Protein backbone atom coordinates (compact mmCIF):
# COMPACT_ATOMS: atom_id res chain seq x y z
CA MET A 1 0.00 0.00 0.00
CA LYS A 2 1.29 3.45 -0.90
CA PHE A 3 1.15 6.53 1.28
CA HIS A 4 1.70 10.22 0.64
CA THR A 5 5.02 10.41 2.46
CA LYS A 6 8.31 12.13 1.99
CA LYS A 7 11.15 9.63 1.83
CA LYS A 8 13.42 9.50 4.87
CA SER A 9 11.42 12.19 6.66
CA LYS A 10 13.13 13.13 9.92
CA ARG A 11 9.94 14.25 11.62
CA SER A 12 7.23 12.01 13.03
CA LEU A 13 3.53 12.65 12.97
CA LYS A 14 2.15 12.46 16.51
CA LEU A 15 -1.38 11.78 17.70
CA ILE A 16 -1.90 12.51 21.39
CA VAL A 17 -5.16 11.62 23.14
CA LEU A 18 -6.30 14.09 25.81
CA GLY A 19 -9.87 12.76 26.03
CA GLY A 20 -12.47 10.72 24.19
CA THR A 21 -11.12 7.25 24.82
CA THR A 22 -11.91 5.21 27.95
CA THR A 23 -15.01 7.41 28.27
CA VAL A 24 -17.49 8.58 25.66
CA GLN A 25 -16.92 12.16 26.75
CA LYS A 26 -14.50 15.13 26.81
CA ASN A 27 -13.17 14.37 23.35
CA MET A 28 -9.86 16.07 22.56
CA TYR A 29 -7.13 14.93 20.16
CA VAL A 30 -3.84 16.61 19.33
CA TYR A 31 -2.10 16.09 15.98
CA GLU A 32 1.49 17.33 15.95
CA TYR A 33 4.05 17.50 13.18
CA GLY A 34 7.27 19.40 13.77
CA SER A 35 6.39 22.91 14.91
CA ASP A 36 2.69 22.60 14.04
CA ILE A 37 -0.22 21.39 16.19
CA VAL A 38 -3.86 21.03 15.18
CA ILE A 39 -6.42 20.12 17.84
CA PHE A 40 -9.59 18.20 17.09
CA ASP A 41 -12.46 18.89 19.51
CA CYS A 42 -12.52 20.19 23.06
CA GLY A 43 -15.43 18.57 24.87
CA ILE A 44 -16.80 18.38 28.37
CA GLY A 45 -17.53 15.31 30.45
CA PHE A 46 -20.59 14.75 32.60
CA PRO A 47 -20.11 13.88 36.29
CA ASN A 48 -21.47 10.74 37.89
CA ARG A 49 -23.13 10.85 41.30
CA GLU A 50 -19.82 10.26 43.11
CA LEU A 51 -18.51 13.65 41.94
CA LEU A 52 -20.41 15.65 44.53
CA GLY A 53 -20.99 19.29 43.63
CA VAL A 54 -19.30 18.89 40.25
CA ASP A 55 -21.16 20.18 37.22
CA ILE A 56 -18.78 19.31 34.39
CA VAL A 57 -15.44 17.63 33.82
CA LEU A 58 -12.78 19.11 31.53
CA PRO A 59 -9.90 17.52 29.65
CA ASP A 60 -6.38 18.27 30.84
CA PHE A 61 -5.21 21.30 28.81
CA SER A 62 -1.64 21.26 30.17
CA TYR A 63 0.06 19.95 27.03
CA VAL A 64 -1.78 22.41 24.80
CA LEU A 65 -0.91 25.37 27.03
CA GLU A 66 2.73 24.32 27.25
CA ASN A 67 2.93 24.14 23.45
CA ILE A 68 0.60 26.99 22.55
CA ASP A 69 3.13 28.56 20.16
CA LYS A 70 2.75 25.51 17.92
CA VAL A 71 -1.06 25.49 17.85
CA LYS A 72 -2.42 26.57 14.47
CA GLY A 73 -6.11 26.02 15.20
CA ILE A 74 -8.77 23.90 16.81
CA VAL A 75 -11.26 21.99 14.66
CA ILE A 76 -14.68 21.19 16.13
CA THR A 77 -16.18 18.19 14.39
CA HIS A 78 -19.87 18.63 15.31
CA GLY A 79 -22.34 20.29 17.65
CA HIS A 80 -22.41 18.09 20.74
CA GLU A 81 -21.04 19.40 24.02
CA ASP A 82 -18.80 16.39 24.60
CA HIS A 83 -16.94 17.69 21.54
CA PHE A 84 -17.05 21.49 22.01
CA GLY A 85 -18.32 22.32 25.52
CA ALA A 86 -14.89 22.81 27.12
CA LEU A 87 -13.83 25.48 24.61
CA PRO A 88 -14.73 28.47 26.85
CA TYR A 89 -12.46 27.14 29.60
CA LEU A 90 -9.56 26.80 27.16
CA LEU A 91 -10.17 30.10 25.39
CA GLU A 92 -10.24 32.08 28.62
CA GLN A 93 -6.58 31.06 29.01
CA VAL A 94 -5.44 31.33 25.37
CA ARG A 95 -7.05 32.39 22.12
CA ILE A 96 -6.98 29.81 19.32
CA PRO A 97 -8.64 30.12 15.89
CA ILE A 98 -11.74 27.91 15.63
CA TYR A 99 -12.66 25.91 12.53
CA SER A 100 -16.12 24.34 12.29
CA ALA A 101 -19.32 24.07 10.30
CA ARG A 102 -21.83 26.92 10.54
CA LEU A 103 -24.23 25.31 13.04
CA VAL A 104 -21.43 24.36 15.42
CA SER A 105 -20.04 27.89 15.31
CA GLU A 106 -23.41 29.28 16.44
CA PHE A 107 -23.54 26.87 19.40
CA ILE A 108 -19.99 27.84 20.36
CA LYS A 109 -20.78 31.57 20.12
CA LEU A 110 -23.61 31.13 22.63
CA LYS A 111 -21.21 29.51 25.10
CA LEU A 112 -18.53 32.14 24.62
CA LYS A 113 -21.02 35.00 24.91
CA GLU A 114 -22.10 33.72 28.34
CA ARG A 115 -18.49 34.09 29.54
CA ASN A 116 -17.69 37.34 27.71
CA LEU A 117 -15.21 35.57 25.43
CA LEU A 118 -16.82 36.20 22.06
CA ASN A 119 -14.84 39.35 21.20
CA GLY A 120 -11.40 38.47 19.90
CA THR A 121 -12.25 34.88 19.01
CA SER A 122 -11.64 33.93 15.39
CA PHE A 123 -14.25 31.73 13.66
CA ASN A 124 -13.60 30.02 10.33
CA ILE A 125 -16.58 28.27 8.70
CA LEU A 126 -15.93 24.95 6.96
CA ASP A 127 -18.02 24.25 3.86
CA PRO A 128 -17.78 20.61 2.68
CA ASP A 129 -18.52 21.74 -0.89
CA LYS A 130 -15.34 23.81 -0.91
CA GLY A 131 -11.68 22.90 -0.83
CA PRO A 132 -9.32 22.05 2.02
CA ILE A 133 -7.74 24.40 4.54
CA ARG A 134 -4.05 24.67 5.31
CA LEU A 135 -2.81 24.85 8.90
CA GLY A 136 0.97 24.73 8.94
CA ASP A 137 2.12 21.39 7.51
CA PHE A 138 -1.44 20.04 7.73
CA SER A 139 -3.74 20.14 4.73
CA ILE A 140 -7.20 19.33 6.10
CA ASP A 141 -10.11 18.35 3.88
CA PHE A 142 -13.61 17.46 5.09
CA PHE A 143 -16.72 15.67 3.97
CA ARG A 144 -20.33 15.24 5.08
CA ILE A 145 -21.12 12.47 7.52
CA ASN A 146 -24.37 11.70 9.34
CA HIS A 147 -24.94 11.97 13.07
CA SER A 148 -27.80 13.03 15.34
CA VAL A 149 -26.94 16.71 14.84
CA PRO A 150 -26.79 18.36 11.38
CA GLU A 151 -23.60 19.57 9.69
CA SER A 152 -21.35 16.90 11.20
CA LEU A 153 -18.10 16.44 9.28
CA GLY A 154 -15.42 13.82 8.82
CA TYR A 155 -11.84 14.89 8.15
CA ALA A 156 -8.83 13.81 6.11
CA LEU A 157 -5.52 15.20 7.36
CA LYS A 158 -2.83 15.17 4.71
CA THR A 159 0.62 15.32 6.31
CA PRO A 160 4.19 14.63 5.15
CA GLN A 161 3.88 11.23 6.86
CA GLY A 162 0.60 10.25 5.23
CA VAL A 163 -3.16 10.73 5.33
CA VAL A 164 -5.10 10.26 8.57
CA PHE A 165 -8.91 10.10 8.57
CA HIS A 166 -10.53 11.50 11.72
CA VAL A 167 -14.21 10.47 11.71
CA PRO A 168 -15.91 10.80 15.11
CA ASP A 169 -19.58 10.13 15.89
CA TYR A 170 -20.95 8.98 12.55
CA LYS A 171 -23.38 6.63 10.87
CA PHE A 172 -24.60 6.11 7.30
CA ASP A 173 -28.10 7.61 7.06
CA TRP A 174 -29.69 7.53 3.60
CA THR A 175 -32.77 9.50 4.69
CA PRO A 176 -31.49 12.12 7.16
CA VAL A 177 -33.99 14.64 8.52
CA MET A 178 -32.15 17.83 7.53
CA ASP A 179 -28.76 16.80 6.19
CA LYS A 180 -27.59 15.29 2.96
CA PRO A 181 -26.43 11.65 3.16
CA PHE A 182 -22.86 10.64 4.03
CA ASP A 183 -20.63 11.84 1.17
CA ILE A 184 -19.15 8.47 0.28
CA GLN A 185 -17.72 9.65 -3.02
CA LYS A 186 -15.66 12.43 -1.46
CA ALA A 187 -14.42 10.14 1.31
CA VAL A 188 -13.28 7.58 -1.26
CA ASP A 189 -11.62 10.28 -3.38
CA LEU A 190 -9.72 11.59 -0.35
CA ALA A 191 -8.57 8.04 0.43
CA LYS A 192 -7.05 7.49 -3.01
CA GLY A 193 -3.32 6.88 -2.78
CA GLY A 194 -3.58 5.19 0.60
CA VAL A 195 -4.60 6.04 4.13
CA LEU A 196 -2.16 5.73 6.98
CA ALA A 197 -4.73 5.59 9.80
CA LEU A 198 -8.45 5.85 10.51
CA CYS A 199 -9.65 7.23 13.84
CA SER A 200 -13.21 5.92 13.99
CA ASP A 201 -16.15 6.21 16.37
CA CYS A 202 -16.61 2.87 18.14
CA LEU A 203 -19.61 3.48 20.43
CA GLY A 204 -21.91 1.10 18.53
CA ALA A 205 -19.35 -1.68 18.16
CA ARG A 206 -21.53 -4.22 19.98
CA THR A 207 -24.66 -3.57 17.89
CA ASP A 208 -25.29 -5.72 14.84
CA GLY A 209 -26.19 -4.39 11.41
CA PHE A 210 -26.55 -0.73 10.50
CA THR A 211 -27.92 2.06 12.68
CA SER A 212 -31.45 3.16 11.73
CA SER A 213 -32.27 6.48 10.12
CA GLU A 214 -33.06 9.49 12.30
CA LYS A 215 -36.31 9.81 10.34
CA ASP A 216 -37.71 6.69 12.04
CA ILE A 217 -38.39 8.78 15.16
CA GLN A 218 -41.08 10.85 13.44
CA THR A 219 -43.70 8.07 13.43
CA THR A 220 -43.07 7.38 17.11
CA PHE A 221 -43.65 11.02 18.08
CA ASP A 222 -46.77 11.21 15.87
CA ASN A 223 -48.33 8.09 17.40
CA TYR A 224 -47.70 9.04 21.04
CA MET A 225 -49.06 12.56 20.65
CA PHE A 226 -52.15 11.29 18.87
CA ARG A 227 -53.10 8.92 21.70
CA THR A 228 -52.07 11.08 24.69
CA LYS A 229 -54.84 13.19 26.25
CA GLY A 230 -52.67 15.11 28.72
CA GLN A 231 -49.36 16.93 28.79
CA VAL A 232 -46.50 15.61 26.68
CA PHE A 233 -42.88 16.14 27.70
CA ILE A 234 -40.04 15.29 25.33
CA THR A 235 -36.44 15.45 26.46
CA THR A 236 -33.43 15.06 24.23
CA LEU A 237 -30.01 16.63 23.82
CA SER A 238 -30.47 20.37 23.42
CA SER A 239 -28.19 20.36 20.37
CA ASN A 240 -30.22 17.63 18.64
CA ILE A 241 -31.95 20.00 16.23
CA SER A 242 -33.36 17.19 14.06
CA ARG A 243 -35.06 15.54 17.07
CA ILE A 244 -36.46 18.90 18.17
CA ARG A 245 -37.77 19.51 14.66
CA MET A 246 -39.62 16.18 14.60
CA ALA A 247 -41.15 16.88 18.03
CA VAL A 248 -42.35 20.29 16.81
CA GLU A 249 -43.84 18.81 13.62
CA ALA A 250 -45.67 16.08 15.55
CA SER A 251 -47.03 18.70 17.97
CA ILE A 252 -48.34 20.94 15.19
CA LYS A 253 -49.88 17.95 13.40
CA ASN A 254 -51.75 17.03 16.59
CA GLY A 255 -52.94 20.55 17.45
CA ARG A 256 -50.48 21.14 20.28
CA LYS A 257 -48.64 24.30 21.24
CA ILE A 258 -44.97 24.00 22.09
CA VAL A 259 -43.17 25.22 25.21
CA ILE A 260 -39.37 25.16 25.19
CA GLY A 261 -38.03 24.53 28.69
CA GLY A 262 -34.48 25.16 29.86
CA ARG A 263 -31.93 27.76 28.84
CA SER A 264 -29.78 25.38 26.77
CA MET A 265 -32.86 24.14 24.91
CA ARG A 266 -34.10 27.69 24.25
CA ASN A 267 -30.66 28.69 22.98
CA SER A 268 -30.51 25.73 20.61
CA VAL A 269 -34.00 26.40 19.29
CA GLY A 270 -32.98 30.01 18.71
CA VAL A 271 -29.99 28.84 16.66
CA GLY A 272 -32.19 26.40 14.74
CA LYS A 273 -34.62 29.18 13.84
CA LYS A 274 -31.83 31.56 12.88
CA LEU A 275 -30.27 29.06 10.47
CA GLY A 276 -33.58 27.91 8.99
CA TYR A 277 -33.61 24.44 10.52
CA LEU A 278 -36.79 25.21 12.49
CA PRO A 279 -38.91 27.19 9.99
CA TYR A 280 -42.07 27.45 12.10
CA SER A 281 -44.27 30.42 12.88
CA GLU A 282 -44.12 31.85 16.40
CA GLU A 283 -47.86 31.18 16.74
CA HIS A 284 -47.01 27.54 17.47
CA PHE A 285 -44.87 28.43 20.51
CA ILE A 286 -45.84 29.56 24.01
CA PRO A 287 -43.34 31.30 26.33
CA GLU A 288 -42.56 29.21 29.40
CA LEU A 289 -43.85 31.96 31.71
CA GLN A 290 -47.32 31.78 30.12
CA ALA A 291 -47.62 27.99 29.97
CA LYS A 292 -49.75 27.69 33.12
CA SER A 293 -52.62 29.67 31.61
CA PHE A 294 -53.08 27.29 28.65
CA ASP A 295 -54.95 24.01 28.36
CA GLN A 296 -52.29 21.53 29.46
CA SER A 297 -53.75 18.75 27.33
CA LYS A 298 -52.80 20.78 24.25
CA ILE A 299 -49.16 21.46 25.16
CA THR A 300 -45.91 19.71 24.30
CA TYR A 301 -42.99 20.62 26.52
CA ILE A 302 -39.59 20.14 24.87
CA VAL A 303 -37.14 20.27 27.75
CA SER A 304 -33.51 19.72 28.64
CA GLY A 305 -32.43 17.00 31.07
CA SER A 306 -32.11 13.81 29.01
CA PHE A 307 -28.94 12.83 30.92
CA GLY A 308 -30.66 13.18 34.29
CA GLN A 309 -29.01 16.48 35.19
CA PRO A 310 -30.56 17.51 38.54
CA GLU A 311 -30.57 21.24 37.76
CA SER A 312 -31.95 20.86 34.24
CA SER A 313 -35.51 21.85 33.40
CA LEU A 314 -36.76 18.26 33.61
CA GLY A 315 -34.72 17.67 36.75
CA ARG A 316 -36.57 20.45 38.55
CA ILE A 317 -39.91 19.30 37.11
CA SER A 318 -39.25 15.79 38.45
CA ARG A 319 -38.68 17.21 41.95
CA ASN A 320 -41.83 19.34 41.63
CA CYS A 321 -39.81 22.53 42.18
CA HIS A 322 -39.93 24.16 38.73
CA LYS A 323 -41.45 27.63 39.17
CA ASN A 324 -43.23 27.68 35.80
CA ILE A 325 -43.97 24.07 34.85
CA LYS A 326 -45.92 21.54 36.92
CA ILE A 327 -46.37 17.99 35.76
CA GLU A 328 -49.90 16.59 35.97
CA GLU A 329 -51.10 13.04 36.49
CA ASN A 330 -51.59 11.04 33.30
CA SER A 331 -49.00 13.13 31.47
CA LEU A 332 -46.50 11.45 29.13
CA VAL A 333 -42.73 11.90 29.36
CA ILE A 334 -40.58 10.67 26.46
CA PHE A 335 -36.84 10.25 26.88
CA SER A 336 -35.59 10.49 23.30
CA ALA A 337 -31.90 10.07 24.07
CA ASP A 338 -29.98 7.10 25.38
CA PRO A 339 -27.96 7.80 28.54
CA ILE A 340 -24.22 7.53 28.10
CA PRO A 341 -21.97 5.56 30.48
CA GLY A 342 -21.64 7.43 33.78
CA VAL A 343 -25.14 8.92 33.98
CA TYR A 344 -27.38 5.84 34.06
CA ASP A 345 -28.19 6.19 37.77
CA LEU A 346 -29.14 9.85 37.40
CA VAL A 347 -31.48 9.07 34.51
CA TYR A 348 -33.23 6.19 36.24
CA ASP A 349 -33.61 8.20 39.46
CA MET A 350 -35.34 10.91 37.42
CA ILE A 351 -37.59 8.36 35.72
CA ASP A 352 -38.65 7.05 39.15
CA SER A 353 -39.41 10.56 40.42
CA LEU A 354 -41.53 11.36 37.37
CA THR A 355 -43.41 8.08 37.75
CA LEU A 356 -44.21 8.85 41.39
CA LEU A 357 -45.67 12.19 40.26
CA GLY A 358 -48.15 10.28 38.11
CA ALA A 359 -46.52 10.46 34.70
CA GLU A 360 -46.20 7.66 32.19
CA VAL A 361 -42.50 7.60 31.32
CA ILE A 362 -41.38 6.09 28.04
CA TYR A 363 -37.71 5.36 27.46
CA SER A 364 -35.65 3.14 25.23
CA ASP A 365 -35.45 0.20 27.65
CA ILE A 366 -39.16 -0.44 27.19
CA GLN A 367 -39.97 1.07 23.80
CA ASP A 368 -38.15 0.87 20.46
CA ASN A 369 -37.77 3.89 18.18
CA LEU A 370 -37.66 6.47 20.97
CA HIS A 371 -34.04 7.13 20.26
CA VAL A 372 -32.18 6.33 17.08
CA SER A 373 -28.48 6.42 17.79
CA GLY A 374 -26.29 8.88 15.98
CA HIS A 375 -23.49 6.35 16.23
CA GLY A 376 -22.79 3.67 13.68
CA SER A 377 -23.18 -0.02 14.41
CA ARG A 378 -20.94 -2.87 13.27
CA GLY A 379 -22.14 -2.58 9.69
CA ASP A 380 -21.39 1.15 9.58
CA HIS A 381 -17.89 0.60 10.99
CA ILE A 382 -17.11 -2.17 8.51
CA LEU A 383 -18.43 -0.12 5.59
CA LEU A 384 -16.25 2.88 6.46
CA ALA A 385 -13.21 0.67 6.97
CA ASN A 386 -13.70 -0.89 3.54
CA LEU A 387 -14.23 2.49 1.88
CA VAL A 388 -11.14 4.10 3.41
CA LYS A 389 -8.89 0.99 3.64
CA PRO A 390 -6.44 2.36 6.24
CA LYS A 391 -3.28 0.61 7.34
CA TYR A 392 -3.94 1.38 11.02
CA HIS A 393 -7.27 1.49 12.86
CA ILE A 394 -7.75 3.63 16.00
CA PRO A 395 -11.13 3.27 17.77
CA THR A 396 -12.27 6.45 19.56
CA GLY A 397 -15.25 7.83 21.44
CA GLY A 398 -16.00 4.71 23.48
CA THR A 399 -15.16 2.87 26.65
CA VAL A 400 -12.31 0.37 26.93
CA SER A 401 -14.65 -2.55 26.28
CA LEU A 402 -16.18 -0.83 23.23
CA MET A 403 -12.74 -0.14 21.79
CA ARG A 404 -11.96 -3.82 22.24
CA ALA A 405 -15.24 -4.81 20.54
CA HIS A 406 -14.39 -2.53 17.61
CA SER A 407 -10.94 -4.09 17.38
CA GLN A 408 -12.44 -7.58 17.28
CA ASN A 409 -14.86 -6.51 14.55
CA MET A 410 -11.96 -5.21 12.45
CA GLN A 411 -10.01 -8.44 12.93
CA LYS A 412 -13.00 -10.39 11.61
CA ILE A 413 -12.69 -8.56 8.29
CA GLY A 414 -8.99 -9.30 8.04
CA VAL A 415 -7.25 -6.44 9.85
CA LYS A 416 -4.14 -7.59 11.69
CA GLU A 417 -4.26 -7.20 15.45
CA GLU A 418 -0.97 -5.28 15.47
CA ASN A 419 -2.53 -2.72 13.12
CA ILE A 420 -5.25 -1.79 15.62
CA LEU A 421 -4.27 0.75 18.27
CA GLU A 422 -6.44 1.10 21.37
CA LEU A 423 -5.43 4.32 23.08
CA LEU A 424 -6.05 5.51 26.63
CA GLU A 425 -5.99 9.13 27.70
CA GLY A 426 -2.41 10.37 27.69
CA ASP A 427 -1.30 7.81 25.08
CA MET A 428 0.51 8.87 21.93
CA VAL A 429 1.05 7.27 18.56
CA THR A 430 4.02 8.31 16.44
CA PHE A 431 3.86 7.66 12.70
CA LYS A 432 7.10 7.60 10.73
CA ASN A 433 7.69 6.20 7.27
CA GLY A 434 4.48 4.18 7.38
CA ILE A 435 5.11 2.62 10.82
CA ALA A 436 3.06 3.42 13.94
CA VAL A 437 4.39 3.11 17.49
CA LYS A 438 2.11 3.51 20.52
CA HIS A 439 3.35 4.51 23.96
CA LYS A 440 2.33 6.31 27.13
CA PHE A 441 3.18 9.98 26.78
CA LEU A 442 1.35 12.08 29.37
CA GLU A 443 -0.12 11.67 32.82
CA THR A 444 -3.44 13.42 32.34
CA LYS A 445 -5.85 14.47 35.05
CA ASN A 446 -9.50 15.44 35.04
CA VAL A 447 -10.39 19.03 35.86
CA PHE A 448 -13.61 19.37 37.86
CA ILE A 449 -15.82 22.45 37.64
CA ASP A 450 -18.45 23.13 40.31
CA ASN A 451 -22.13 23.77 39.72
CA THR A 452 -21.56 27.50 39.24
CA GLY A 453 -19.58 26.59 36.13
CA LEU A 454 -16.81 28.92 37.30
CA ASN A 455 -14.68 27.35 40.00
CA VAL A 456 -12.25 24.44 39.72
CA VAL A 457 -12.89 21.81 42.38
CA ASP A 458 -9.68 20.41 43.82
CA PRO A 459 -9.53 16.59 44.07
CA VAL A 460 -8.83 16.98 47.80
CA VAL A 461 -12.15 18.81 48.18
CA LEU A 462 -13.90 16.00 46.31
CA ARG A 463 -12.27 13.46 48.60
CA ASP A 464 -13.53 15.37 51.65
CA ARG A 465 -17.04 15.62 50.18
CA THR A 466 -17.05 11.87 49.58
CA ALA A 467 -15.89 11.21 53.13
CA LEU A 468 -18.62 13.49 54.47
CA SER A 469 -21.32 11.79 52.41
CA GLN A 470 -20.21 8.29 53.38
CA ASP A 471 -18.89 8.51 56.95
CA GLY A 472 -19.76 11.98 58.24
CA ILE A 473 -17.52 14.36 60.17
CA PHE A 474 -15.82 14.17 63.57
CA VAL A 475 -14.59 17.37 65.22
CA ALA A 476 -12.10 17.37 68.10
CA ILE A 477 -11.84 20.75 69.87
CA LEU A 478 -8.48 21.00 71.68
CA LYS A 479 -8.30 23.65 74.41
CA TYR A 480 -5.00 25.46 74.96
CA ASP A 481 -4.29 27.52 78.12
CA SER A 482 -2.23 30.43 76.81
CA GLU A 483 -1.16 31.48 80.32
CA LYS A 484 0.06 28.06 81.46
CA LYS A 485 1.18 27.33 77.88
CA GLU A 486 -0.29 23.86 77.89
CA PHE A 487 -3.35 21.98 76.67
CA LEU A 488 -6.19 21.42 79.10
CA ASN A 489 -6.88 17.88 80.22
CA SER A 490 -10.22 17.72 78.39
CA VAL A 491 -11.33 17.63 74.78
CA GLU A 492 -14.70 18.58 73.33
CA LEU A 493 -15.90 16.09 70.71
CA VAL A 494 -18.62 16.56 68.09
CA SER A 495 -19.91 13.97 65.63
CA ARG A 496 -22.25 14.56 62.69
CA GLY A 497 -23.26 11.72 60.40
CA PHE A 498 -20.68 9.36 61.94
CA ILE A 499 -21.84 7.98 65.29
CA TYR A 500 -24.74 8.70 67.64
CA MET A 501 -22.88 10.27 70.54
CA LYS A 502 -25.29 9.30 73.35
CA GLU A 503 -24.90 5.63 72.50
CA SER A 504 -21.15 5.79 71.86
CA ARG A 505 -19.75 7.09 75.15
CA PRO A 506 -17.12 4.33 75.57
CA LEU A 507 -15.82 4.97 72.05
CA LEU A 508 -15.70 8.72 72.65
CA LYS A 509 -13.94 8.29 75.98
CA GLU A 510 -11.29 6.14 74.32
CA ALA A 511 -10.92 8.68 71.50
CA GLU A 512 -10.42 11.48 74.04
CA LYS A 513 -7.80 9.37 75.83
CA ARG A 514 -5.88 8.87 72.58
CA ILE A 515 -5.99 12.60 71.84
CA LEU A 516 -4.70 13.57 75.32
CA GLU A 517 -1.82 11.10 74.96
CA VAL A 518 -0.88 12.80 71.70
CA LEU A 519 -1.05 16.24 73.33
CA LYS A 520 1.23 15.14 76.18
CA GLY A 521 3.81 14.09 73.60
CA THR A 522 3.71 17.55 72.02
CA LYS A 523 3.86 19.57 75.23
CA LYS A 524 6.69 21.84 74.16
CA SER A 525 5.54 22.32 70.59
CA LYS A 526 3.53 25.27 69.34
CA ASP A 527 3.41 24.04 65.77
CA TRP A 528 -0.39 23.89 65.61
CA SER A 529 -0.50 22.39 62.12
CA LYS A 530 1.81 19.54 63.15
CA ILE A 531 -0.22 18.85 66.31
CA LYS A 532 -3.51 18.78 64.36
CA ASP A 533 -1.96 16.47 61.78
CA VAL A 534 -0.84 13.98 64.46
CA VAL A 535 -4.28 14.09 66.13
CA GLU A 536 -6.01 13.54 62.78
CA LYS A 537 -3.84 10.53 61.91
CA THR A 538 -4.27 9.03 65.38
CA LEU A 539 -8.07 9.30 65.24
CA PHE A 540 -8.14 8.01 61.66
CA ARG A 541 -6.35 4.79 62.65
CA PHE A 542 -8.42 4.45 65.82
CA PHE A 543 -11.83 4.83 64.13
CA LEU A 544 -10.86 2.59 61.24
CA LYS A 545 -9.89 -0.18 63.65
CA LYS A 546 -12.88 0.23 65.98
CA THR A 547 -15.68 1.01 63.51
CA GLY A 548 -14.41 0.22 60.02
CA HIS A 549 -15.32 3.80 59.01
CA THR A 550 -13.16 6.85 58.37
CA PRO A 551 -15.06 10.12 58.90
CA LEU A 552 -13.66 13.46 57.88
CA ILE A 553 -11.65 14.35 60.99
CA LEU A 554 -11.27 18.01 61.88
CA PRO A 555 -9.06 18.92 64.88
CA VAL A 556 -9.60 22.51 66.06
CA ILE A 557 -7.35 24.33 68.57
CA VAL A 558 -9.00 26.97 70.75
CA GLU A 559 -6.88 29.23 72.97
CA ALA A 560 -8.48 29.82 76.37
């Protein structure tokens, strides 16, 4: 097989994974050749219930910031937040030119405007009907693919070491709702002469056949709205414009007005209207504030919260604390999005809460055609592999087990195991003269942002929150006589969420004894931090041995 390479090239092409493998989220890939870097995607991750007080998770930007002089641009592949949602947090530190399709750029502008970052940010719109762009030594061409959001693109990076196809989150849809079908001809043309590597979405690697068309959802929405006599709630990803469009069309067909609930959903609908994807008269829509005064049996609520986010519109509705929207008995709630790994518990908790409020909740576990995946299945993966015919295969956008399933699928069609590279976060592949070598390159870390969306949450704080939630807190108040310059022979103890103090007097007495022994051993010391550290460690070992639990221990010194 031939590749577009320069003979005896001294430089290697590098692919560094900062996110998007091992989890389905926070996608971020760095391509580096010599003094040039191009970044593909910059997505957020969604916290599970163990990450207390965390709203989003960011990729580790350290390598990008350390090499910012090399960065020529950042390419956003499509309009889902796990591919672009972390951009504001990167751009508030450095400004990087953005390259994306039109719809994605509008979503990004909304995010940047919220953080006063829009001015000074360079946007470059990618049109798949036009030619490639040049970023340093990278010539980047692009072609239409299909996904659950319009204007998704696949990419071919032409480098001195060869051509790499970067195709995240795709399927082959011959009847898309608003897009044109996957541009097979252009993909094949770009692959002529040989492809060094294909980075391919692997999320559907365990599903047989080909993924269904997005259009299949329309009949489902039509049927449910026709038979439902009460409120209808539909939740999906706020960026899923095609799903929103089908919900609106079904509502109009069945004589329903539409209420858009949640800021992210309202923003997306605004973008859809601006770009002509939602060409409906305003007479069909009711402002959220006025929804209460209308006949609820004639309303469809399209709301955010499909991943179970507690503070989303549907999250507050499920807890009966939304100030404008109240769910009624015999209403219908449709989850038209499959939860991704990490949020299952949140989604099912929300489903239970809605059920207890009297709603009939329909979701993909019990009803087909509520959600058509935007991700290809085995058939889609095999078709793309046969069209592109790469030497190396790199599964992306899935968990470890899904990457392995994709690898096994490729081996079944004749790909050698050594030509499949499963990458973890921080891994790098170097390509030189047609040979790929994989190795660990970076120690990456997650960056946690709290529910204000502004503050970074230190892992130590998360550890303390976890300890508090599991084993409570134990406070030891140490009294120091500043005149005698010694600690008093008594300690005040307070427990919250750890033990019931009235029934634990022997344990508390023993704990006090241990503390006083420590204080005797530090009689001449006034290093308060050292004393508190010794007390904390002593109590930690004591409680672990006696109770099997380790509360958050907080020694406090009070001067009397």
